[in-house]
Amino acid sequence: ARRAARSLGSGPLAQLRAAAREELGLPQDKLIVAAGHQPLPIHPGILLRELLLAHLPGEASGLWLVVDSDAPREVGFPVPLRRRRYTHHRVVLWDNPGRVILARFPAPGEGRLRRLWELLAARLSTLINPAPLRRAGEFFCRLPPPGEGWPKWWEAAKAGWAKTEGLRRLWVSELVQTAAFRNFLGWLAAREGVFLPSYARAAELAGLPPLHPGELPFWQLAGGSRVPAGSWREAHFPRALTLTFFVRLVLCDFFLHGAGGAGYEPGVDLLFREVVGIEPPPWGWLAGTFLVEEPPGAHLPGREFPFFLHDLTQLREGLSGLLSAL
């Protein structure tokens, strides 16, 4: 992070970086380490990055990017279930056949939450071990009242459980409204002849599908759903590679992926070399997924169960080997 701060602070977008931090209220005198995820019921292996960012040393500041521009088919999570043998069942809070972005989801009302709890309790009560049901009950009792929509409501619920309320959160839906992001768009548009061929190579390197002719690596909104942007005027939400490119180039000094997103970064590194003309700043990935113990039973996806079914104290103990190594 220190090395990146020196390099980017004197690079071609140094002025944009300084202006972006000032606009967003980010500290100018600290290293910024960023990570993020969609506002979903994540498993505890993903939560590790959030826990780490909330406990950085004083010279650094954590930034958690809430990717509410994503549009999953549903908002749900697996829960363990015991019938004749242990298995699992997926509980769905929201179906999303129209692929509306998460930023447009309302916070769930009392009726929906009551129904969700009934489904969850019915499944967890089949287990011999009563602890997951008890922990889920404690989590549901501490849920905040419905507020400004699903992403902010859910992030507040997660932060209250993990005690990461002090970590700075930045919603993509708000980020794209800033002058910093609009200036970044203008900078890319002026380099379209270099950027688009480089993006095609970056997407291939990252294992992502190529753009169709006439498309930009951005989305526009149509009735709350994402459709490909065909002009810079239409560009609204960045796609995955472009979003990480912006965050690494403009907002932070070090970006921390999970295991799933780490494959993107060689493509983003290519964009630094070909579009910006500098060596890319360092990045890393950190995942506790494979340190979370599988529950007893046959082929249960224990590492995918939501964080609130786990004991945070046990998680910290299980992850302490990695954290002490850091």
C-alpha atoms as a PDB file:
ATOM      1  CA  ALA A   1       0.000   0.000   0.000  1.00  0.00           C
ATOM      2  CA  ARG A   2       2.838   2.400   0.787  1.00  0.00           C
ATOM      3  CA  ARG A   3       4.490   1.620  -2.543  1.00  0.00           C
ATOM      4  CA  ALA A   4       1.223   2.182  -4.424  1.00  0.00           C
ATOM      5  CA  ALA A   5       0.554   5.454  -2.624  1.00  0.00           C
ATOM      6  CA  ARG A   6       3.939   6.803  -3.760  1.00  0.00           C
ATOM      7  CA  SER A   7       3.485   5.600  -7.344  1.00  0.00           C
ATOM      8  CA  LEU A   8      -0.146   6.640  -7.856  1.00  0.00           C
ATOM      9  CA  GLY A   9       0.311   9.877  -5.903  1.00  0.00           C
ATOM     10  CA  SER A  10       2.706  11.100  -8.575  1.00  0.00           C
ATOM     11  CA  GLY A  11       1.047   9.357 -11.521  1.00  0.00           C
ATOM     12  CA  PRO A  12      -1.122  10.720 -14.341  1.00  0.00           C
ATOM     13  CA  LEU A  13      -4.318  10.663 -12.247  1.00  0.00           C
ATOM     14  CA  ALA A  14      -2.853  12.033  -9.013  1.00  0.00           C
ATOM     15  CA  GLN A  15      -5.102  15.101  -9.143  1.00  0.00           C
ATOM     16  CA  LEU A  16      -8.221  13.002  -9.712  1.00  0.00           C
ATOM     17  CA  ARG A  17      -7.255  10.747  -6.775  1.00  0.00           C
ATOM     18  CA  ALA A  18      -6.839  13.690  -4.425  1.00  0.00           C
ATOM     19  CA  ALA A  19     -10.118  15.272  -5.560  1.00  0.00           C
ATOM     20  CA  ALA A  20     -11.989  11.970  -5.201  1.00  0.00           C
ATOM     21  CA  ARG A  21     -10.796  11.457  -1.635  1.00  0.00           C
ATOM     22  CA  GLU A  22     -11.775  14.997  -0.731  1.00  0.00           C
ATOM     23  CA  GLU A  23     -15.222  14.621  -2.321  1.00  0.00           C
ATOM     24  CA  LEU A  24     -15.902  11.321  -0.546  1.00  0.00           C
ATOM     25  CA  GLY A  25     -14.466  12.394   2.793  1.00  0.00           C
ATOM     26  CA  LEU A  26     -11.683   9.811   2.674  1.00  0.00           C
ATOM     27  CA  PRO A  27      -8.489  10.608   4.587  1.00  0.00           C
ATOM     28  CA  GLN A  28      -5.718  12.195   2.549  1.00  0.00           C
ATOM     29  CA  ASP A  29      -3.022  11.337   5.084  1.00  0.00           C
ATOM     30  CA  LYS A  30      -3.683   7.594   5.460  1.00  0.00           C
ATOM     31  CA  LEU A  31      -3.262   4.523   3.319  1.00  0.00           C
ATOM     32  CA  ILE A  32      -6.610   3.213   2.096  1.00  0.00           C
ATOM     33  CA  VAL A  33      -7.188  -0.525   1.882  1.00  0.00           C
ATOM     34  CA  ALA A  34     -10.396  -1.425   0.048  1.00  0.00           C
ATOM     35  CA  ALA A  35     -12.469  -4.556  -0.449  1.00  0.00           C
ATOM     36  CA  GLY A  36     -16.132  -5.240  -1.011  1.00  0.00           C
ATOM     37  CA  HIS A  37     -18.987  -7.534  -1.928  1.00  0.00           C
ATOM     38  CA  GLN A  38     -22.641  -7.566  -2.863  1.00  0.00           C
ATOM     39  CA  PRO A  39     -25.070  -6.840   0.036  1.00  0.00           C
ATOM     40  CA  LEU A  40     -26.125 -10.483   0.426  1.00  0.00           C
ATOM     41  CA  PRO A  41     -26.239 -13.082   3.254  1.00  0.00           C
ATOM     42  CA  ILE A  42     -22.571 -13.960   2.855  1.00  0.00           C
ATOM     43  CA  HIS A  43     -20.784 -16.893   4.427  1.00  0.00           C
ATOM     44  CA  PRO A  44     -18.119 -16.203   7.080  1.00  0.00           C
ATOM     45  CA  GLY A  45     -15.189 -16.817   4.742  1.00  0.00           C
ATOM     46  CA  ILE A  46     -16.154 -13.626   2.914  1.00  0.00           C
ATOM     47  CA  LEU A  47     -16.724 -11.762   6.167  1.00  0.00           C
ATOM     48  CA  LEU A  48     -13.024 -12.183   7.021  1.00  0.00           C
ATOM     49  CA  ARG A  49     -12.067  -9.305   4.732  1.00  0.00           C
ATOM     50  CA  GLU A  50     -14.545  -7.008   6.442  1.00  0.00           C
ATOM     51  CA  LEU A  51     -13.225  -8.016   9.874  1.00  0.00           C
ATOM     52  CA  LEU A  52      -9.671  -7.324   8.735  1.00  0.00           C
ATOM     53  CA  LEU A  53     -10.486  -3.883   7.304  1.00  0.00           C
ATOM     54  CA  ALA A  54     -12.213  -2.924  10.552  1.00  0.00           C
ATOM     55  CA  HIS A  55      -9.031  -3.663  12.524  1.00  0.00           C
ATOM     56  CA  LEU A  56      -6.274  -2.094  10.419  1.00  0.00           C
ATOM     57  CA  PRO A  57      -3.419  -0.275  12.150  1.00  0.00           C
ATOM     58  CA  GLY A  58      -3.669   3.469  12.635  1.00  0.00           C
ATOM     59  CA  GLU A  59      -1.766   4.490   9.504  1.00  0.00           C
ATOM     60  CA  ALA A  60      -4.401   2.839   7.292  1.00  0.00           C
ATOM     61  CA  SER A  61      -8.123   3.233   6.767  1.00  0.00           C
ATOM     62  CA  GLY A  62     -10.492   0.526   5.535  1.00  0.00           C
ATOM     63  CA  LEU A  63     -13.068   1.063   2.793  1.00  0.00           C
ATOM     64  CA  TRP A  64     -15.834  -1.482   2.158  1.00  0.00           C
ATOM     65  CA  LEU A  65     -17.441  -1.220  -1.280  1.00  0.00           C
ATOM     66  CA  VAL A  66     -21.099  -2.309  -1.242  1.00  0.00           C
ATOM     67  CA  VAL A  67     -21.788  -3.576  -4.768  1.00  0.00           C
ATOM     68  CA  ASP A  68     -25.502  -2.789  -4.850  1.00  0.00           C
ATOM     69  CA  SER A  69     -25.288  -2.500  -8.644  1.00  0.00           C
ATOM     70  CA  ASP A  70     -25.404  -6.289  -8.933  1.00  0.00           C
ATOM     71  CA  ALA A  71     -28.606  -8.011 -10.033  1.00  0.00           C
ATOM     72  CA  PRO A  72     -28.760 -11.617  -8.740  1.00  0.00           C
ATOM     73  CA  ARG A  73     -31.593 -13.950  -9.666  1.00  0.00           C
ATOM     74  CA  GLU A  74     -32.555 -14.141  -6.000  1.00  0.00           C
ATOM     75  CA  VAL A  75     -31.547 -13.120  -2.509  1.00  0.00           C
ATOM     76  CA  GLY A  76     -31.305 -16.311  -0.514  1.00  0.00           C
ATOM     77  CA  PHE A  77     -28.990 -18.641   1.350  1.00  0.00           C
ATOM     78  CA  PRO A  78     -28.599 -22.349   2.168  1.00  0.00           C
ATOM     79  CA  VAL A  79     -29.452 -23.665   5.622  1.00  0.00           C
ATOM     80  CA  PRO A  80     -28.743 -27.119   7.071  1.00  0.00           C
ATOM     81  CA  LEU A  81     -31.652 -29.519   7.379  1.00  0.00           C
ATOM     82  CA  ARG A  82     -31.929 -33.016   8.878  1.00  0.00           C
ATOM     83  CA  ARG A  83     -34.314 -35.537   7.433  1.00  0.00           C
ATOM     84  CA  ARG A  84     -33.143 -39.149   7.209  1.00  0.00           C
ATOM     85  CA  ARG A  85     -29.687 -37.693   6.798  1.00  0.00           C
ATOM     86  CA  TYR A  86     -28.211 -34.224   6.858  1.00  0.00           C
ATOM     87  CA  THR A  87     -28.845 -32.161   3.767  1.00  0.00           C
ATOM     88  CA  HIS A  88     -29.510 -28.511   3.053  1.00  0.00           C
ATOM     89  CA  HIS A  89     -32.301 -26.325   1.757  1.00  0.00           C
ATOM     90  CA  ARG A  90     -32.208 -22.877   0.180  1.00  0.00           C
ATOM     91  CA  VAL A  91     -34.324 -20.193   1.816  1.00  0.00           C
ATOM     92  CA  VAL A  92     -35.222 -17.346  -0.552  1.00  0.00           C
ATOM     93  CA  LEU A  93     -36.097 -13.885   0.717  1.00  0.00           C
ATOM     94  CA  TRP A  94     -36.511 -12.197  -2.676  1.00  0.00           C
ATOM     95  CA  ASP A  95     -37.041 -13.663  -6.126  1.00  0.00           C
ATOM     96  CA  ASN A  96     -35.690 -11.429  -8.863  1.00  0.00           C
ATOM     97  CA  PRO A  97     -36.771 -12.738 -12.286  1.00  0.00           C
ATOM     98  CA  GLY A  98     -36.471  -9.256 -13.819  1.00  0.00           C
ATOM     99  CA  ARG A  99     -32.862  -8.966 -12.582  1.00  0.00           C
ATOM    100  CA  VAL A 100     -33.467  -5.625 -10.880  1.00  0.00           C
ATOM    101  CA  ILE A 101     -30.353  -4.202  -9.225  1.00  0.00           C
ATOM    102  CA  LEU A 102     -30.054  -4.603  -5.461  1.00  0.00           C
ATOM    103  CA  ALA A 103     -30.076  -0.818  -4.983  1.00  0.00           C
ATOM    104  CA  ARG A 104     -33.769  -0.851  -5.998  1.00  0.00           C
ATOM    105  CA  PHE A 105     -34.767  -3.483  -3.424  1.00  0.00           C
ATOM    106  CA  PRO A 106     -36.769  -2.153  -0.449  1.00  0.00           C
ATOM    107  CA  ALA A 107     -35.985  -3.180   3.089  1.00  0.00           C
ATOM    108  CA  PRO A 108     -38.183  -6.179   3.990  1.00  0.00           C
ATOM    109  CA  GLY A 109     -41.289  -5.455   6.004  1.00  0.00           C
ATOM    110  CA  GLU A 110     -42.412  -7.248   9.131  1.00  0.00           C
ATOM    111  CA  GLY A 111     -44.565  -9.733   7.226  1.00  0.00           C
ATOM    112  CA  ARG A 112     -41.752 -10.856   4.942  1.00  0.00           C
ATOM    113  CA  LEU A 113     -39.307 -11.129   7.833  1.00  0.00           C
ATOM    114  CA  ARG A 114     -41.812 -13.121   9.882  1.00  0.00           C
ATOM    115  CA  ARG A 115     -42.286 -15.563   7.023  1.00  0.00           C
ATOM    116  CA  LEU A 116     -38.522 -15.834   6.550  1.00  0.00           C
ATOM    117  CA  TRP A 117     -38.034 -16.604  10.233  1.00  0.00           C
ATOM    118  CA  GLU A 118     -40.749 -19.266  10.146  1.00  0.00           C
ATOM    119  CA  LEU A 119     -39.063 -21.006   7.205  1.00  0.00           C
ATOM    120  CA  LEU A 120     -35.623 -20.721   8.773  1.00  0.00           C
ATOM    121  CA  ALA A 121     -36.713 -21.911  12.223  1.00  0.00           C
ATOM    122  CA  ALA A 122     -38.608 -24.886  10.776  1.00  0.00           C
ATOM    123  CA  ARG A 123     -35.450 -26.118   9.090  1.00  0.00           C
ATOM    124  CA  LEU A 124     -32.955 -25.370  11.839  1.00  0.00           C
ATOM    125  CA  SER A 125     -35.180 -27.014  14.450  1.00  0.00           C
ATOM    126  CA  THR A 126     -34.598 -30.385  12.741  1.00  0.00           C
ATOM    127  CA  LEU A 127     -30.923 -30.314  13.732  1.00  0.00           C
ATOM    128  CA  ILE A 128     -29.620 -32.180  16.763  1.00  0.00           C
ATOM    129  CA  ASN A 129     -27.391 -29.212  17.600  1.00  0.00           C
ATOM    130  CA  PRO A 130     -29.634 -26.319  18.789  1.00  0.00           C
ATOM    131  CA  ALA A 131     -26.909 -23.668  18.518  1.00  0.00           C
ATOM    132  CA  PRO A 132     -27.564 -22.552  14.894  1.00  0.00           C
ATOM    133  CA  LEU A 133     -31.245 -21.967  15.670  1.00  0.00           C
ATOM    134  CA  ARG A 134     -30.357 -20.019  18.802  1.00  0.00           C
ATOM    135  CA  ARG A 135     -27.806 -17.868  16.990  1.00  0.00           C
ATOM    136  CA  ALA A 136     -30.202 -17.185  14.113  1.00  0.00           C
ATOM    137  CA  GLY A 137     -32.856 -16.160  16.637  1.00  0.00           C
ATOM    138  CA  GLU A 138     -30.462 -13.753  18.319  1.00  0.00           C
ATOM    139  CA  PHE A 139     -29.549 -12.250  14.951  1.00  0.00           C
ATOM    140  CA  PHE A 140     -33.190 -11.763  13.943  1.00  0.00           C
ATOM    141  CA  CYS A 141     -33.989 -10.146  17.289  1.00  0.00           C
ATOM    142  CA  ARG A 142     -31.285  -7.538  16.673  1.00  0.00           C
ATOM    143  CA  LEU A 143     -32.296  -6.644  13.116  1.00  0.00           C
ATOM    144  CA  PRO A 144     -32.612  -2.895  12.589  1.00  0.00           C
ATOM    145  CA  PRO A 145     -35.995  -1.423  11.664  1.00  0.00           C
ATOM    146  CA  PRO A 146     -36.735  -1.064   7.937  1.00  0.00           C
ATOM    147  CA  GLY A 147     -34.863   1.931   6.595  1.00  0.00           C
ATOM    148  CA  GLU A 148     -33.522   3.275   3.310  1.00  0.00           C
ATOM    149  CA  GLY A 149     -33.736   0.110   1.257  1.00  0.00           C
ATOM    150  CA  TRP A 150     -32.268  -3.371   1.265  1.00  0.00           C
ATOM    151  CA  PRO A 151     -28.528  -2.590   0.812  1.00  0.00           C
ATOM    152  CA  LYS A 152     -28.215  -0.115   3.683  1.00  0.00           C
ATOM    153  CA  TRP A 153     -30.568  -2.078   5.917  1.00  0.00           C
ATOM    154  CA  TRP A 154     -28.694  -5.329   5.330  1.00  0.00           C
ATOM    155  CA  GLU A 155     -25.241  -3.795   5.745  1.00  0.00           C
ATOM    156  CA  ALA A 156     -26.356  -2.290   9.061  1.00  0.00           C
ATOM    157  CA  ALA A 157     -27.619  -5.707  10.210  1.00  0.00           C
ATOM    158  CA  LYS A 158     -24.357  -7.413   9.212  1.00  0.00           C
ATOM    159  CA  ALA A 159     -22.173  -4.733  10.762  1.00  0.00           C
ATOM    160  CA  GLY A 160     -24.107  -4.904  14.029  1.00  0.00           C
ATOM    161  CA  TRP A 161     -23.543  -8.670  14.246  1.00  0.00           C
ATOM    162  CA  ALA A 162     -19.837  -8.516  13.331  1.00  0.00           C
ATOM    163  CA  LYS A 163     -19.181  -5.292  15.265  1.00  0.00           C
ATOM    164  CA  THR A 164     -17.794  -3.530  12.192  1.00  0.00           C
ATOM    165  CA  GLU A 165     -20.008  -0.431  12.415  1.00  0.00           C
ATOM    166  CA  GLY A 166     -16.960   1.837  12.349  1.00  0.00           C
ATOM    167  CA  LEU A 167     -15.815   0.627   8.928  1.00  0.00           C
ATOM    168  CA  ARG A 168     -16.449   3.147   6.140  1.00  0.00           C
ATOM    169  CA  ARG A 169     -18.926   1.822   3.586  1.00  0.00           C
ATOM    170  CA  LEU A 170     -19.388   3.163   0.077  1.00  0.00           C
ATOM    171  CA  TRP A 171     -22.361   2.128  -2.058  1.00  0.00           C
ATOM    172  CA  VAL A 172     -21.727   1.781  -5.792  1.00  0.00           C
ATOM    173  CA  SER A 173     -25.105   3.389  -6.513  1.00  0.00           C
ATOM    174  CA  GLU A 174     -23.859   6.518  -4.719  1.00  0.00           C
ATOM    175  CA  LEU A 175     -20.317   6.290  -6.044  1.00  0.00           C
ATOM    176  CA  VAL A 176     -21.455   6.580  -9.673  1.00  0.00           C
ATOM    177  CA  GLN A 177     -23.157   9.903  -8.877  1.00  0.00           C
ATOM    178  CA  THR A 178     -19.898  11.560  -7.820  1.00  0.00           C
ATOM    179  CA  ALA A 179     -17.841  14.015  -9.831  1.00  0.00           C
ATOM    180  CA  ALA A 180     -14.863  11.695  -9.363  1.00  0.00           C
ATOM    181  CA  PHE A 181     -16.599   8.880 -11.218  1.00  0.00           C
ATOM    182  CA  ARG A 182     -17.878  11.181 -13.970  1.00  0.00           C
ATOM    183  CA  ASN A 183     -14.352  12.528 -14.452  1.00  0.00           C
ATOM    184  CA  PHE A 184     -13.076   8.949 -14.666  1.00  0.00           C
ATOM    185  CA  LEU A 185     -15.676   8.249 -17.373  1.00  0.00           C
ATOM    186  CA  GLY A 186     -14.533  11.297 -19.321  1.00  0.00           C
ATOM    187  CA  TRP A 187     -10.908  10.223 -19.000  1.00  0.00           C
ATOM    188  CA  LEU A 188     -11.736   6.762 -20.395  1.00  0.00           C
ATOM    189  CA  ALA A 189     -13.896   8.179 -23.191  1.00  0.00           C
ATOM    190  CA  ALA A 190     -10.987  10.335 -24.339  1.00  0.00           C
ATOM    191  CA  ARG A 191      -8.896   7.137 -24.589  1.00  0.00           C
ATOM    192  CA  GLU A 192     -11.579   4.954 -26.148  1.00  0.00           C
ATOM    193  CA  GLY A 193      -9.293   3.822 -28.975  1.00  0.00           C
ATOM    194  CA  VAL A 194      -6.821   2.403 -26.456  1.00  0.00           C
ATOM    195  CA  PHE A 195      -9.217   1.414 -23.686  1.00  0.00           C
ATOM    196  CA  LEU A 196     -11.698  -0.774 -25.590  1.00  0.00           C
ATOM    197  CA  PRO A 197      -9.113  -3.040 -27.288  1.00  0.00           C
ATOM    198  CA  SER A 198      -7.269  -3.305 -23.957  1.00  0.00           C
ATOM    199  CA  TYR A 199     -10.506  -4.154 -22.173  1.00  0.00           C
ATOM    200  CA  ALA A 200     -11.161  -6.969 -24.660  1.00  0.00           C
ATOM    201  CA  ARG A 201      -7.747  -8.462 -23.867  1.00  0.00           C
ATOM    202  CA  ALA A 202      -8.272  -7.918 -20.138  1.00  0.00           C
ATOM    203  CA  ALA A 203     -11.648  -9.681 -20.166  1.00  0.00           C
ATOM    204  CA  GLU A 204     -10.159 -12.643 -21.981  1.00  0.00           C
ATOM    205  CA  LEU A 205      -7.297 -12.792 -19.488  1.00  0.00           C
ATOM    206  CA  ALA A 206      -9.775 -12.663 -16.593  1.00  0.00           C
ATOM    207  CA  GLY A 207     -12.014 -15.340 -18.088  1.00  0.00           C
ATOM    208  CA  LEU A 208     -14.959 -12.989 -18.598  1.00  0.00           C
ATOM    209  CA  PRO A 209     -17.256 -13.003 -21.642  1.00  0.00           C
ATOM    210  CA  PRO A 210     -16.354 -10.502 -24.364  1.00  0.00           C
ATOM    211  CA  LEU A 211     -18.422  -7.447 -25.126  1.00  0.00           C
ATOM    212  CA  HIS A 212     -20.750  -7.532 -28.100  1.00  0.00           C
ATOM    213  CA  PRO A 213     -20.023  -5.089 -30.945  1.00  0.00           C
ATOM    214  CA  GLY A 214     -21.023  -1.564 -29.992  1.00  0.00           C
ATOM    215  CA  GLU A 215     -21.074  -2.255 -26.229  1.00  0.00           C
ATOM    216  CA  LEU A 216     -19.066  -0.483 -23.545  1.00  0.00           C
ATOM    217  CA  PRO A 217     -17.966  -2.188 -20.304  1.00  0.00           C
ATOM    218  CA  PHE A 218     -20.724  -0.342 -18.467  1.00  0.00           C
ATOM    219  CA  TRP A 219     -24.422  -0.845 -17.788  1.00  0.00           C
ATOM    220  CA  GLN A 220     -27.316   1.524 -18.187  1.00  0.00           C
ATOM    221  CA  LEU A 221     -30.585   1.143 -16.299  1.00  0.00           C
ATOM    222  CA  ALA A 222     -33.932   0.324 -17.890  1.00  0.00           C
ATOM    223  CA  GLY A 223     -36.736   0.064 -15.369  1.00  0.00           C
ATOM    224  CA  GLY A 224     -34.306  -0.854 -12.608  1.00  0.00           C
ATOM    225  CA  SER A 225     -32.633  -3.611 -14.655  1.00  0.00           C
ATOM    226  CA  ARG A 226     -29.210  -3.471 -16.286  1.00  0.00           C
ATOM    227  CA  VAL A 227     -28.757  -3.423 -20.033  1.00  0.00           C
ATOM    228  CA  PRO A 228     -25.455  -2.896 -21.882  1.00  0.00           C
ATOM    229  CA  ALA A 229     -24.446   0.715 -22.466  1.00  0.00           C
ATOM    230  CA  GLY A 230     -23.816   1.577 -26.088  1.00  0.00           C
ATOM    231  CA  SER A 231     -22.472   5.100 -25.626  1.00  0.00           C
ATOM    232  CA  TRP A 232     -20.526   7.019 -22.999  1.00  0.00           C
ATOM    233  CA  ARG A 233     -23.604   9.148 -22.385  1.00  0.00           C
ATOM    234  CA  GLU A 234     -25.527   5.989 -21.399  1.00  0.00           C
ATOM    235  CA  ALA A 235     -22.757   4.565 -19.187  1.00  0.00           C
ATOM    236  CA  HIS A 236     -24.005   4.385 -15.620  1.00  0.00           C
ATOM    237  CA  PHE A 237     -22.811   1.365 -13.633  1.00  0.00           C
ATOM    238  CA  PRO A 238     -19.367  -0.109 -14.340  1.00  0.00           C
ATOM    239  CA  ARG A 239     -18.966  -3.825 -14.999  1.00  0.00           C
ATOM    240  CA  ALA A 240     -16.724  -5.851 -12.712  1.00  0.00           C
ATOM    241  CA  LEU A 241     -13.340  -5.160 -14.314  1.00  0.00           C
ATOM    242  CA  THR A 242     -14.077  -1.480 -14.838  1.00  0.00           C
ATOM    243  CA  LEU A 243     -15.290  -1.061 -11.257  1.00  0.00           C
ATOM    244  CA  THR A 244     -12.147  -2.611  -9.799  1.00  0.00           C
ATOM    245  CA  PHE A 245     -10.022  -0.578 -12.204  1.00  0.00           C
ATOM    246  CA  PHE A 246     -11.622   2.630 -10.914  1.00  0.00           C
ATOM    247  CA  VAL A 247     -11.275   1.659  -7.253  1.00  0.00           C
ATOM    248  CA  ARG A 248      -7.629   0.621  -7.581  1.00  0.00           C
ATOM    249  CA  LEU A 249      -6.706   3.600  -9.755  1.00  0.00           C
ATOM    250  CA  VAL A 250      -8.610   6.380  -7.997  1.00  0.00           C
ATOM    251  CA  LEU A 251      -9.805   5.415  -4.509  1.00  0.00           C
ATOM    252  CA  CYS A 252      -7.410   3.078  -2.730  1.00  0.00           C
ATOM    253  CA  ASP A 253      -3.763   2.135  -2.292  1.00  0.00           C
ATOM    254  CA  PHE A 254      -4.343  -1.594  -1.921  1.00  0.00           C
ATOM    255  CA  PHE A 255      -7.297  -3.714  -3.044  1.00  0.00           C
ATOM    256  CA  LEU A 256      -8.158  -6.949  -1.287  1.00  0.00           C
ATOM    257  CA  HIS A 257     -10.181  -9.558  -3.191  1.00  0.00           C
ATOM    258  CA  GLY A 258     -11.745 -12.763  -2.037  1.00  0.00           C
ATOM    259  CA  ALA A 259     -10.814 -16.037  -3.685  1.00  0.00           C
ATOM    260  CA  GLY A 260     -13.594 -15.690  -6.257  1.00  0.00           C
ATOM    261  CA  GLY A 261     -12.606 -12.273  -7.565  1.00  0.00           C
ATOM    262  CA  ALA A 262      -8.843 -12.730  -7.529  1.00  0.00           C
ATOM    263  CA  GLY A 263      -8.927 -14.052 -11.096  1.00  0.00           C
ATOM    264  CA  TYR A 264     -10.071 -10.628 -12.330  1.00  0.00           C
ATOM    265  CA  GLU A 265      -6.962  -8.759 -11.312  1.00  0.00           C
ATOM    266  CA  PRO A 266      -4.492  -9.913 -13.981  1.00  0.00           C
ATOM    267  CA  GLY A 267      -6.934  -8.311 -16.421  1.00  0.00           C
ATOM    268  CA  VAL A 268      -7.045  -5.093 -14.402  1.00  0.00           C
ATOM    269  CA  ASP A 269      -3.234  -5.123 -14.224  1.00  0.00           C
ATOM    270  CA  LEU A 270      -3.228  -5.196 -18.019  1.00  0.00           C
ATOM    271  CA  LEU A 271      -5.424  -2.076 -18.074  1.00  0.00           C
ATOM    272  CA  PHE A 272      -2.931  -0.257 -15.867  1.00  0.00           C
ATOM    273  CA  ARG A 273      -0.094  -1.086 -18.242  1.00  0.00           C
ATOM    274  CA  GLU A 274      -1.867  -0.406 -21.542  1.00  0.00           C
ATOM    275  CA  VAL A 275      -4.347   2.375 -20.683  1.00  0.00           C
ATOM    276  CA  VAL A 276      -2.595   4.271 -17.879  1.00  0.00           C
ATOM    277  CA  GLY A 277       0.937   3.420 -18.964  1.00  0.00           C
ATOM    278  CA  ILE A 278       2.244   2.521 -15.499  1.00  0.00           C
ATOM    279  CA  GLU A 279       3.027  -0.648 -13.620  1.00  0.00           C
ATOM    280  CA  PRO A 280      -0.060  -1.724 -11.648  1.00  0.00           C
ATOM    281  CA  PRO A 281      -0.184  -1.160  -7.908  1.00  0.00           C
ATOM    282  CA  PRO A 282      -0.074  -4.330  -5.789  1.00  0.00           C
ATOM    283  CA  TRP A 283      -3.228  -6.128  -4.798  1.00  0.00           C
ATOM    284  CA  GLY A 284      -4.034  -9.231  -2.787  1.00  0.00           C
ATOM    285  CA  TRP A 285      -6.675 -11.745  -1.938  1.00  0.00           C
ATOM    286  CA  LEU A 286      -7.743 -13.044   1.426  1.00  0.00           C
ATOM    287  CA  ALA A 287     -10.335 -15.723   2.144  1.00  0.00           C
ATOM    288  CA  GLY A 288     -11.211 -17.646   5.267  1.00  0.00           C
ATOM    289  CA  THR A 289     -13.564 -19.932   3.376  1.00  0.00           C
ATOM    290  CA  PHE A 290     -11.352 -22.988   3.647  1.00  0.00           C
ATOM    291  CA  LEU A 291     -10.629 -22.412   7.338  1.00  0.00           C
ATOM    292  CA  VAL A 292     -14.307 -22.723   8.285  1.00  0.00           C
ATOM    293  CA  GLU A 293     -14.974 -26.267   9.463  1.00  0.00           C
ATOM    294  CA  GLU A 294     -17.463 -28.394   7.591  1.00  0.00           C
ATOM    295  CA  PRO A 295     -20.340 -29.546   9.826  1.00  0.00           C
ATOM    296  CA  PRO A 296     -20.705 -33.268  10.432  1.00  0.00           C
ATOM    297  CA  GLY A 297     -22.858 -35.097   7.918  1.00  0.00           C
ATOM    298  CA  ALA A 298     -22.885 -35.968   4.270  1.00  0.00           C
ATOM    299  CA  HIS A 299     -21.733 -33.332   1.781  1.00  0.00           C
ATOM    300  CA  LEU A 300     -23.103 -30.261   3.510  1.00  0.00           C
ATOM    301  CA  PRO A 301     -22.036 -26.928   1.997  1.00  0.00           C
ATOM    302  CA  GLY A 302     -20.983 -25.674   5.423  1.00  0.00           C
ATOM    303  CA  ARG A 303     -18.720 -23.020   4.030  1.00  0.00           C
ATOM    304  CA  GLU A 304     -21.688 -21.429   2.281  1.00  0.00           C
ATOM    305  CA  PHE A 305     -24.045 -21.158   5.264  1.00  0.00           C
ATOM    306  CA  PRO A 306     -24.698 -17.503   6.192  1.00  0.00           C
ATOM    307  CA  PHE A 307     -22.503 -15.884   8.810  1.00  0.00           C
ATOM    308  CA  PHE A 308     -25.278 -15.542  11.401  1.00  0.00           C
ATOM    309  CA  LEU A 309     -25.518 -19.336  11.805  1.00  0.00           C
ATOM    310  CA  HIS A 310     -21.920 -19.395  13.031  1.00  0.00           C
ATOM    311  CA  ASP A 311     -20.304 -18.427  16.313  1.00  0.00           C
ATOM    312  CA  LEU A 312     -18.163 -15.357  15.735  1.00  0.00           C
ATOM    313  CA  THR A 313     -15.844 -16.319  18.598  1.00  0.00           C
ATOM    314  CA  GLN A 314     -15.236 -19.722  17.042  1.00  0.00           C
ATOM    315  CA  LEU A 315     -14.680 -18.094  13.673  1.00  0.00           C
ATOM    316  CA  ARG A 316     -12.038 -15.765  15.064  1.00  0.00           C
ATOM    317  CA  GLU A 317     -10.296 -18.724  16.696  1.00  0.00           C
ATOM    318  CA  GLY A 318     -10.436 -20.706  13.477  1.00  0.00           C
ATOM    319  CA  LEU A 319      -9.025 -17.783  11.514  1.00  0.00           C
ATOM    320  CA  SER A 320      -6.389 -16.834  14.082  1.00  0.00           C
ATOM    321  CA  GLY A 321      -3.670 -18.848  12.339  1.00  0.00           C
ATOM    322  CA  LEU A 322      -3.994 -16.797   9.192  1.00  0.00           C
ATOM    323  CA  LEU A 323      -4.359 -13.509  11.042  1.00  0.00           C
ATOM    324  CA  SER A 324      -1.290 -14.179  13.175  1.00  0.00           C
ATOM    325  CA  ALA A 325       0.659 -14.994  10.008  1.00  0.00           C
ATOM    326  CA  LEU A 326      -0.311 -11.613   8.611  1.00  0.00           C
END
